[in-house]
Amino acid sequence: MFDLTDKITYVTGAASGIGRAITQCFADAGAIVYAADVNETEGRAFVGSLNQAGKTAHFVPLDVTDRERCEAVARDVLEKEKRLDVLVNNAGVGGVGKLLETTAEELLRQWQVNLLGPFHLTRTFLPAMLQRGAGSIINMASIGGVVAVRDRATYCITKFAVVGLTKSVALDYADRGVRVNCICPGRVYTEFVKERLAEYPDPEKAYQEMSATQAVGRMGEPEEIAAAALYLAADESRFVTGATFMIDGGWSAGK
């Protein structure tokens, strides 16, 4: 089950964290992976290691906030491969703060990456998927896109929007063979989270508090999120669209 042999896949934010784990998972499952990231040094090194291990992967330098660049790389992939089977909109940024502690500029920064990135890439790849009558789009939302999280005002605003994007596109194209779903992780111990922890006055205390948020008492691992992406990418999930997958260690179950 969950065989991705020869599927053409595209993952953003692929150089680190959850995106890296998804890229590795897809490559291990036999997919041809286009790994996109704004960090060229780490991205190229990672893709090089995949190729050395016998996997088929290509690095794509990409800032997802650049609409013209998104359109250009999509054209390149479609011209070379003639199709895209799976798009994973994983690239994202975050920040700490209540509404009165953040600025419109900070909201715009997160909005451009977290929402406009998936918006641009979905718009560029969707027509080719519709033409074939097949495709899976996976957006990376968050537990903060389903329930509010303290001190994450702007982040929650953008991730709630990602859930809305997912459901609206899924509904609009459900009868044309394209599935759109999102994954809503709880806190996952990645470099991204380590950077957020460093913003607190007491990082160790913040780490313990973040771990305790999940009912299971720990943060998730990137590979645990990648497993959900693998399911949504595979043909076994062909009856699933418009879904929000809560991979959150029991956070959303309640207090």
C-alpha atoms as a PDB file:
ATOM      1  CA  MET A   1       0.000   0.000   0.000  1.00  0.00           C
ATOM      2  CA  PHE A   2       0.905   3.679  -0.391  1.00  0.00           C
ATOM      3  CA  ASP A   3       3.172   3.115  -3.378  1.00  0.00           C
ATOM      4  CA  LEU A   4       4.169   6.327  -5.153  1.00  0.00           C
ATOM      5  CA  THR A   5       6.310   4.737  -7.862  1.00  0.00           C
ATOM      6  CA  ASP A   6       6.801   7.161 -10.754  1.00  0.00           C
ATOM      7  CA  LYS A   7       4.381   9.727  -9.334  1.00  0.00           C
ATOM      8  CA  ILE A   8       5.525  13.279  -9.991  1.00  0.00           C
ATOM      9  CA  THR A   9       5.464  15.174  -6.702  1.00  0.00           C
ATOM     10  CA  TYR A  10       6.316  18.732  -5.695  1.00  0.00           C
ATOM     11  CA  VAL A  11       7.073  19.724  -2.100  1.00  0.00           C
ATOM     12  CA  THR A  12       7.737  23.253  -0.850  1.00  0.00           C
ATOM     13  CA  GLY A  13       9.746  23.998   2.258  1.00  0.00           C
ATOM     14  CA  ALA A  14      11.554  20.760   1.503  1.00  0.00           C
ATOM     15  CA  ALA A  15      14.989  21.532   2.925  1.00  0.00           C
ATOM     16  CA  SER A  16      14.157  21.098   6.597  1.00  0.00           C
ATOM     17  CA  GLY A  17      11.612  19.981   9.177  1.00  0.00           C
ATOM     18  CA  ILE A  18       8.312  18.500   8.057  1.00  0.00           C
ATOM     19  CA  GLY A  19       8.980  19.297   4.397  1.00  0.00           C
ATOM     20  CA  ARG A  20      12.255  17.409   4.483  1.00  0.00           C
ATOM     21  CA  ALA A  21      10.565  14.422   6.123  1.00  0.00           C
ATOM     22  CA  ILE A  22       7.800  14.436   3.488  1.00  0.00           C
ATOM     23  CA  THR A  23      10.331  14.656   0.657  1.00  0.00           C
ATOM     24  CA  GLN A  24      12.297  11.741   2.108  1.00  0.00           C
ATOM     25  CA  CYS A  25       9.122   9.723   2.609  1.00  0.00           C
ATOM     26  CA  PHE A  26       7.912  10.328  -0.954  1.00  0.00           C
ATOM     27  CA  ALA A  27      11.318   9.466  -2.403  1.00  0.00           C
ATOM     28  CA  ASP A  28      11.431   6.254  -0.364  1.00  0.00           C
ATOM     29  CA  ALA A  29       7.974   5.363  -1.727  1.00  0.00           C
ATOM     30  CA  GLY A  30       9.263   5.612  -5.298  1.00  0.00           C
ATOM     31  CA  ALA A  31       8.134   9.114  -6.250  1.00  0.00           C
ATOM     32  CA  ILE A  32       9.981  11.548  -8.470  1.00  0.00           C
ATOM     33  CA  VAL A  33      10.285  14.514  -6.123  1.00  0.00           C
ATOM     34  CA  TYR A  34      10.784  18.177  -6.902  1.00  0.00           C
ATOM     35  CA  ALA A  35      12.052  19.645  -3.654  1.00  0.00           C
ATOM     36  CA  ALA A  36      11.558  23.418  -3.474  1.00  0.00           C
ATOM     37  CA  ASP A  37      12.991  25.734  -0.851  1.00  0.00           C
ATOM     38  CA  VAL A  38      14.277  29.257  -0.411  1.00  0.00           C
ATOM     39  CA  ASN A  39      17.396  27.821   1.294  1.00  0.00           C
ATOM     40  CA  GLU A  40      19.521  26.712  -1.636  1.00  0.00           C
ATOM     41  CA  THR A  41      22.486  25.482   0.399  1.00  0.00           C
ATOM     42  CA  GLU A  42      20.516  23.033   2.548  1.00  0.00           C
ATOM     43  CA  GLY A  43      18.123  22.156  -0.259  1.00  0.00           C
ATOM     44  CA  ARG A  44      20.805  21.203  -2.754  1.00  0.00           C
ATOM     45  CA  ALA A  45      22.724  19.217  -0.145  1.00  0.00           C
ATOM     46  CA  PHE A  46      19.602  17.275   0.830  1.00  0.00           C
ATOM     47  CA  VAL A  47      18.624  16.494  -2.759  1.00  0.00           C
ATOM     48  CA  GLY A  48      22.199  15.448  -3.454  1.00  0.00           C
ATOM     49  CA  SER A  49      22.016  12.927  -0.623  1.00  0.00           C
ATOM     50  CA  LEU A  50      18.753  11.544  -2.012  1.00  0.00           C
ATOM     51  CA  ASN A  51      20.275  11.104  -5.459  1.00  0.00           C
ATOM     52  CA  GLN A  52      23.324   9.390  -4.004  1.00  0.00           C
ATOM     53  CA  ALA A  53      20.953   6.960  -2.274  1.00  0.00           C
ATOM     54  CA  GLY A  54      19.398   6.076  -5.634  1.00  0.00           C
ATOM     55  CA  LYS A  55      16.293   8.251  -5.300  1.00  0.00           C
ATOM     56  CA  THR A  56      15.023  10.568  -8.030  1.00  0.00           C
ATOM     57  CA  ALA A  57      14.882  14.129  -6.743  1.00  0.00           C
ATOM     58  CA  HIS A  58      15.415  17.612  -8.149  1.00  0.00           C
ATOM     59  CA  PHE A  59      16.056  20.791  -6.206  1.00  0.00           C
ATOM     60  CA  VAL A  60      14.098  23.929  -7.119  1.00  0.00           C
ATOM     61  CA  PRO A  61      15.089  27.287  -5.593  1.00  0.00           C
ATOM     62  CA  LEU A  62      11.804  28.977  -4.766  1.00  0.00           C
ATOM     63  CA  ASP A  63      10.413  31.841  -2.730  1.00  0.00           C
ATOM     64  CA  VAL A  64       6.702  30.983  -2.624  1.00  0.00           C
ATOM     65  CA  THR A  65       5.754  34.648  -2.192  1.00  0.00           C
ATOM     66  CA  ASP A  66       7.036  35.352  -5.726  1.00  0.00           C
ATOM     67  CA  ARG A  67       4.037  34.693  -7.962  1.00  0.00           C
ATOM     68  CA  GLU A  68       5.968  34.956 -11.219  1.00  0.00           C
ATOM     69  CA  ARG A  69       8.611  32.527  -9.981  1.00  0.00           C
ATOM     70  CA  CYS A  70       5.907  30.080  -8.868  1.00  0.00           C
ATOM     71  CA  GLU A  71       4.394  30.218 -12.336  1.00  0.00           C
ATOM     72  CA  ALA A  72       7.786  29.736 -13.987  1.00  0.00           C
ATOM     73  CA  VAL A  73       8.768  26.671 -11.982  1.00  0.00           C
ATOM     74  CA  ALA A  74       5.345  25.133 -12.559  1.00  0.00           C
ATOM     75  CA  ARG A  75       5.774  25.596 -16.309  1.00  0.00           C
ATOM     76  CA  ASP A  76       9.200  23.983 -16.116  1.00  0.00           C
ATOM     77  CA  VAL A  77       7.908  20.923 -14.284  1.00  0.00           C
ATOM     78  CA  LEU A  78       4.909  20.493 -16.554  1.00  0.00           C
ATOM     79  CA  GLU A  79       6.984  20.909 -19.698  1.00  0.00           C
ATOM     80  CA  LYS A  80       9.468  18.289 -18.515  1.00  0.00           C
ATOM     81  CA  GLU A  81       7.125  15.772 -16.869  1.00  0.00           C
ATOM     82  CA  LYS A  82       3.849  16.529 -18.711  1.00  0.00           C
ATOM     83  CA  ARG A  83       1.946  16.274 -15.435  1.00  0.00           C
ATOM     84  CA  LEU A  84       2.011  16.748 -11.677  1.00  0.00           C
ATOM     85  CA  ASP A  85       0.436  14.068  -9.499  1.00  0.00           C
ATOM     86  CA  VAL A  86       0.943  15.523  -6.025  1.00  0.00           C
ATOM     87  CA  LEU A  87       1.498  19.084  -4.792  1.00  0.00           C
ATOM     88  CA  VAL A  88       2.474  19.617  -1.151  1.00  0.00           C
ATOM     89  CA  ASN A  89       2.228  23.247  -0.018  1.00  0.00           C
ATOM     90  CA  ASN A  90       4.339  22.946   3.095  1.00  0.00           C
ATOM     91  CA  ALA A  91       6.456  26.129   3.221  1.00  0.00           C
ATOM     92  CA  GLY A  92       5.500  28.296   6.166  1.00  0.00           C
ATOM     93  CA  VAL A  93       6.635  30.811   8.745  1.00  0.00           C
ATOM     94  CA  GLY A  94       5.377  31.789  12.169  1.00  0.00           C
ATOM     95  CA  GLY A  95       5.803  34.180  15.054  1.00  0.00           C
ATOM     96  CA  VAL A  96       4.950  34.723  18.696  1.00  0.00           C
ATOM     97  CA  GLY A  97       2.605  37.338  20.076  1.00  0.00           C
ATOM     98  CA  LYS A  98      -0.927  38.430  20.939  1.00  0.00           C
ATOM     99  CA  LEU A  99      -2.726  40.798  18.588  1.00  0.00           C
ATOM    100  CA  LEU A 100      -1.636  43.958  20.429  1.00  0.00           C
ATOM    101  CA  GLU A 101       1.972  42.716  20.420  1.00  0.00           C
ATOM    102  CA  THR A 102       2.170  42.259  16.640  1.00  0.00           C
ATOM    103  CA  THR A 103       1.999  44.547  13.649  1.00  0.00           C
ATOM    104  CA  ALA A 104       0.254  44.620  10.307  1.00  0.00           C
ATOM    105  CA  GLU A 105       3.672  44.108   8.725  1.00  0.00           C
ATOM    106  CA  GLU A 106       4.133  40.856  10.667  1.00  0.00           C
ATOM    107  CA  LEU A 107       0.698  39.650   9.604  1.00  0.00           C
ATOM    108  CA  LEU A 108       1.541  40.460   5.995  1.00  0.00           C
ATOM    109  CA  ARG A 109       4.834  38.548   6.213  1.00  0.00           C
ATOM    110  CA  GLN A 110       3.092  35.396   7.409  1.00  0.00           C
ATOM    111  CA  TRP A 111       0.127  35.892   5.082  1.00  0.00           C
ATOM    112  CA  GLN A 112       2.385  36.029   2.039  1.00  0.00           C
ATOM    113  CA  VAL A 113       4.166  32.775   2.871  1.00  0.00           C
ATOM    114  CA  ASN A 114       1.497  30.737   4.642  1.00  0.00           C
ATOM    115  CA  LEU A 115      -1.470  31.584   2.422  1.00  0.00           C
ATOM    116  CA  LEU A 116      -0.353  33.257  -0.785  1.00  0.00           C
ATOM    117  CA  GLY A 117       2.331  30.602  -1.311  1.00  0.00           C
ATOM    118  CA  PRO A 118      -0.232  27.759  -1.488  1.00  0.00           C
ATOM    119  CA  PHE A 119      -2.584  30.052  -3.422  1.00  0.00           C
ATOM    120  CA  HIS A 120       0.016  30.810  -6.110  1.00  0.00           C
ATOM    121  CA  LEU A 121       1.171  27.223  -6.564  1.00  0.00           C
ATOM    122  CA  THR A 122      -2.314  25.743  -6.520  1.00  0.00           C
ATOM    123  CA  ARG A 123      -3.406  28.177  -9.212  1.00  0.00           C
ATOM    124  CA  THR A 124      -0.393  27.311 -11.370  1.00  0.00           C
ATOM    125  CA  PHE A 125      -0.612  23.516 -11.121  1.00  0.00           C
ATOM    126  CA  LEU A 126      -4.385  23.045 -10.846  1.00  0.00           C
ATOM    127  CA  PRO A 127      -5.272  23.544 -14.544  1.00  0.00           C
ATOM    128  CA  ALA A 128      -2.994  20.685 -15.626  1.00  0.00           C
ATOM    129  CA  MET A 129      -4.482  18.426 -12.937  1.00  0.00           C
ATOM    130  CA  LEU A 130      -8.001  19.285 -14.072  1.00  0.00           C
ATOM    131  CA  GLN A 131      -7.071  18.568 -17.657  1.00  0.00           C
ATOM    132  CA  ARG A 132      -5.934  15.070 -16.652  1.00  0.00           C
ATOM    133  CA  GLY A 133      -8.790  14.608 -14.206  1.00  0.00           C
ATOM    134  CA  ALA A 134      -6.403  13.557 -11.450  1.00  0.00           C
ATOM    135  CA  GLY A 135      -4.245  15.063  -8.736  1.00  0.00           C
ATOM    136  CA  SER A 136      -3.751  15.428  -5.015  1.00  0.00           C
ATOM    137  CA  ILE A 137      -3.023  18.768  -3.347  1.00  0.00           C
ATOM    138  CA  ILE A 138      -1.904  18.701   0.274  1.00  0.00           C
ATOM    139  CA  ASN A 139      -1.746  21.935   2.255  1.00  0.00           C
ATOM    140  CA  MET A 140       0.096  22.224   5.546  1.00  0.00           C
ATOM    141  CA  ALA A 141      -2.206  24.003   7.979  1.00  0.00           C
ATOM    142  CA  SER A 142      -1.878  23.612  11.754  1.00  0.00           C
ATOM    143  CA  ILE A 143      -3.720  22.912  14.955  1.00  0.00           C
ATOM    144  CA  GLY A 144      -3.683  26.723  14.959  1.00  0.00           C
ATOM    145  CA  GLY A 145      -5.886  26.623  11.874  1.00  0.00           C
ATOM    146  CA  VAL A 146      -8.657  24.769  13.699  1.00  0.00           C
ATOM    147  CA  VAL A 147      -8.496  26.064  17.276  1.00  0.00           C
ATOM    148  CA  ALA A 148      -6.902  29.250  18.553  1.00  0.00           C
ATOM    149  CA  VAL A 149      -3.470  29.013  20.151  1.00  0.00           C
ATOM    150  CA  ARG A 150      -2.335  31.486  22.793  1.00  0.00           C
ATOM    151  CA  ASP A 151       0.259  34.059  21.706  1.00  0.00           C
ATOM    152  CA  ARG A 152      -0.048  33.089  18.029  1.00  0.00           C
ATOM    153  CA  ALA A 153      -2.548  35.644  16.727  1.00  0.00           C
ATOM    154  CA  THR A 154      -1.169  36.267  13.243  1.00  0.00           C
ATOM    155  CA  TYR A 155      -0.148  32.648  12.768  1.00  0.00           C
ATOM    156  CA  CYS A 156      -3.648  31.434  13.576  1.00  0.00           C
ATOM    157  CA  ILE A 157      -5.177  33.985  11.219  1.00  0.00           C
ATOM    158  CA  THR A 158      -3.101  32.666   8.321  1.00  0.00           C
ATOM    159  CA  LYS A 159      -3.551  28.986   9.130  1.00  0.00           C
ATOM    160  CA  PHE A 160      -7.330  29.297   9.493  1.00  0.00           C
ATOM    161  CA  ALA A 161      -7.173  30.796   5.997  1.00  0.00           C
ATOM    162  CA  VAL A 162      -5.248  27.750   4.725  1.00  0.00           C
ATOM    163  CA  VAL A 163      -8.045  25.501   5.985  1.00  0.00           C
ATOM    164  CA  GLY A 164     -10.556  27.719   4.174  1.00  0.00           C
ATOM    165  CA  LEU A 165      -8.515  27.571   0.973  1.00  0.00           C
ATOM    166  CA  THR A 166      -8.364  23.789   1.227  1.00  0.00           C
ATOM    167  CA  LYS A 167     -12.080  23.272   1.705  1.00  0.00           C
ATOM    168  CA  SER A 168     -13.194  25.767  -0.935  1.00  0.00           C
ATOM    169  CA  VAL A 169     -10.908  24.390  -3.651  1.00  0.00           C
ATOM    170  CA  ALA A 170     -11.787  20.812  -2.692  1.00  0.00           C
ATOM    171  CA  LEU A 171     -15.492  21.536  -2.998  1.00  0.00           C
ATOM    172  CA  ASP A 172     -15.204  23.453  -6.256  1.00  0.00           C
ATOM    173  CA  TYR A 173     -13.276  20.693  -8.037  1.00  0.00           C
ATOM    174  CA  ALA A 174     -14.417  17.520  -6.298  1.00  0.00           C
ATOM    175  CA  ASP A 175     -16.248  16.347  -9.407  1.00  0.00           C
ATOM    176  CA  ARG A 176     -13.191  16.766 -11.636  1.00  0.00           C
ATOM    177  CA  GLY A 177     -10.807  14.266 -10.110  1.00  0.00           C
ATOM    178  CA  VAL A 178      -8.630  16.614  -8.053  1.00  0.00           C
ATOM    179  CA  ARG A 179      -8.472  16.093  -4.298  1.00  0.00           C
ATOM    180  CA  VAL A 180      -7.452  18.834  -1.860  1.00  0.00           C
ATOM    181  CA  ASN A 181      -6.756  18.164   1.810  1.00  0.00           C
ATOM    182  CA  CYS A 182      -4.789  19.731   4.619  1.00  0.00           C
ATOM    183  CA  ILE A 183      -2.777  18.395   7.517  1.00  0.00           C
ATOM    184  CA  CYS A 184      -3.112  20.128  10.886  1.00  0.00           C
ATOM    185  CA  PRO A 185      -0.158  19.151  13.057  1.00  0.00           C
ATOM    186  CA  GLY A 186       0.127  19.849  16.723  1.00  0.00           C
ATOM    187  CA  ARG A 187       3.527  21.003  17.852  1.00  0.00           C
ATOM    188  CA  VAL A 188       6.283  19.160  16.029  1.00  0.00           C
ATOM    189  CA  TYR A 189       9.884  19.355  17.186  1.00  0.00           C
ATOM    190  CA  THR A 190      11.621  20.918  14.201  1.00  0.00           C
ATOM    191  CA  GLU A 191      14.128  23.699  13.627  1.00  0.00           C
ATOM    192  CA  PHE A 192      11.125  25.971  13.103  1.00  0.00           C
ATOM    193  CA  VAL A 193       9.860  25.236  16.626  1.00  0.00           C
ATOM    194  CA  LYS A 194      13.347  25.581  18.100  1.00  0.00           C
ATOM    195  CA  GLU A 195      13.483  29.098  16.661  1.00  0.00           C
ATOM    196  CA  ARG A 196      10.104  29.921  18.199  1.00  0.00           C
ATOM    197  CA  LEU A 197      11.288  28.582  21.568  1.00  0.00           C
ATOM    198  CA  ALA A 198      14.302  30.870  21.440  1.00  0.00           C
ATOM    199  CA  GLU A 199      11.969  33.869  21.330  1.00  0.00           C
ATOM    200  CA  TYR A 200      10.699  33.167  24.858  1.00  0.00           C
ATOM    201  CA  PRO A 201      12.351  34.588  28.013  1.00  0.00           C
ATOM    202  CA  ASP A 202      12.663  31.034  29.379  1.00  0.00           C
ATOM    203  CA  PRO A 203      13.046  28.584  26.434  1.00  0.00           C
ATOM    204  CA  GLU A 204      13.174  25.460  28.628  1.00  0.00           C
ATOM    205  CA  LYS A 205       9.944  26.365  30.396  1.00  0.00           C
ATOM    206  CA  ALA A 206       8.346  27.090  27.041  1.00  0.00           C
ATOM    207  CA  TYR A 207       9.510  23.703  25.730  1.00  0.00           C
ATOM    208  CA  GLN A 208       7.841  21.902  28.640  1.00  0.00           C
ATOM    209  CA  GLU A 209       4.638  23.916  28.198  1.00  0.00           C
ATOM    210  CA  MET A 210       4.538  23.199  24.455  1.00  0.00           C
ATOM    211  CA  SER A 211       5.040  19.485  25.044  1.00  0.00           C
ATOM    212  CA  ALA A 212       2.279  19.427  27.656  1.00  0.00           C
ATOM    213  CA  THR A 213      -0.219  20.929  25.200  1.00  0.00           C
ATOM    214  CA  GLN A 214      -0.548  17.563  23.489  1.00  0.00           C
ATOM    215  CA  ALA A 215      -2.554  14.991  25.415  1.00  0.00           C
ATOM    216  CA  VAL A 216       0.219  12.443  24.863  1.00  0.00           C
ATOM    217  CA  GLY A 217       2.653  14.755  26.668  1.00  0.00           C
ATOM    218  CA  ARG A 218       5.188  15.269  23.891  1.00  0.00           C
ATOM    219  CA  MET A 219       5.708  17.029  20.598  1.00  0.00           C
ATOM    220  CA  GLY A 220       5.385  15.145  17.358  1.00  0.00           C
ATOM    221  CA  GLU A 221       8.194  14.042  15.070  1.00  0.00           C
ATOM    222  CA  PRO A 222       8.408  15.218  11.432  1.00  0.00           C
ATOM    223  CA  GLU A 223       8.165  11.635  10.194  1.00  0.00           C
ATOM    224  CA  GLU A 224       4.800  11.243  11.911  1.00  0.00           C
ATOM    225  CA  ILE A 225       3.424  14.105   9.832  1.00  0.00           C
ATOM    226  CA  ALA A 226       5.060  12.772   6.680  1.00  0.00           C
ATOM    227  CA  ALA A 227       3.146   9.512   7.119  1.00  0.00           C
ATOM    228  CA  ALA A 228      -0.130  11.433   6.816  1.00  0.00           C
ATOM    229  CA  ALA A 229       1.135  13.170   3.678  1.00  0.00           C
ATOM    230  CA  LEU A 230       2.049   9.794   2.188  1.00  0.00           C
ATOM    231  CA  TYR A 231      -1.494   8.544   2.729  1.00  0.00           C
ATOM    232  CA  LEU A 232      -3.021  11.636   1.144  1.00  0.00           C
ATOM    233  CA  ALA A 233      -0.644  11.391  -1.812  1.00  0.00           C
ATOM    234  CA  ALA A 234      -1.383   7.728  -2.469  1.00  0.00           C
ATOM    235  CA  ASP A 235      -4.275   6.274  -4.426  1.00  0.00           C
ATOM    236  CA  GLU A 236      -5.603   4.610  -1.257  1.00  0.00           C
ATOM    237  CA  SER A 237      -6.939   8.023  -0.157  1.00  0.00           C
ATOM    238  CA  ARG A 238      -8.915   8.620  -3.366  1.00  0.00           C
ATOM    239  CA  PHE A 239     -12.179   8.966  -1.370  1.00  0.00           C
ATOM    240  CA  VAL A 240     -10.712  11.730   0.789  1.00  0.00           C
ATOM    241  CA  THR A 241     -11.057  15.398  -0.136  1.00  0.00           C
ATOM    242  CA  GLY A 242     -11.737  18.596   1.793  1.00  0.00           C
ATOM    243  CA  ALA A 243     -10.457  16.954   4.971  1.00  0.00           C
ATOM    244  CA  THR A 244      -8.479  18.453   7.836  1.00  0.00           C
ATOM    245  CA  PHE A 245      -6.215  15.755   9.215  1.00  0.00           C
ATOM    246  CA  MET A 246      -5.575  16.397  12.897  1.00  0.00           C
ATOM    247  CA  ILE A 247      -2.157  14.924  13.663  1.00  0.00           C
ATOM    248  CA  ASP A 248      -1.919  16.608  17.010  1.00  0.00           C
ATOM    249  CA  GLY A 249      -1.231  14.167  19.835  1.00  0.00           C
ATOM    250  CA  GLY A 250      -4.745  14.602  21.175  1.00  0.00           C
ATOM    251  CA  TRP A 251      -4.623  18.407  21.439  1.00  0.00           C
ATOM    252  CA  SER A 252      -7.962  18.896  19.703  1.00  0.00           C
ATOM    253  CA  ALA A 253      -9.676  16.195  21.817  1.00  0.00           C
ATOM    254  CA  GLY A 254     -10.134  18.788  24.585  1.00  0.00           C
ATOM    255  CA  LYS A 255      -8.874  19.655  28.031  1.00  0.00           C
END
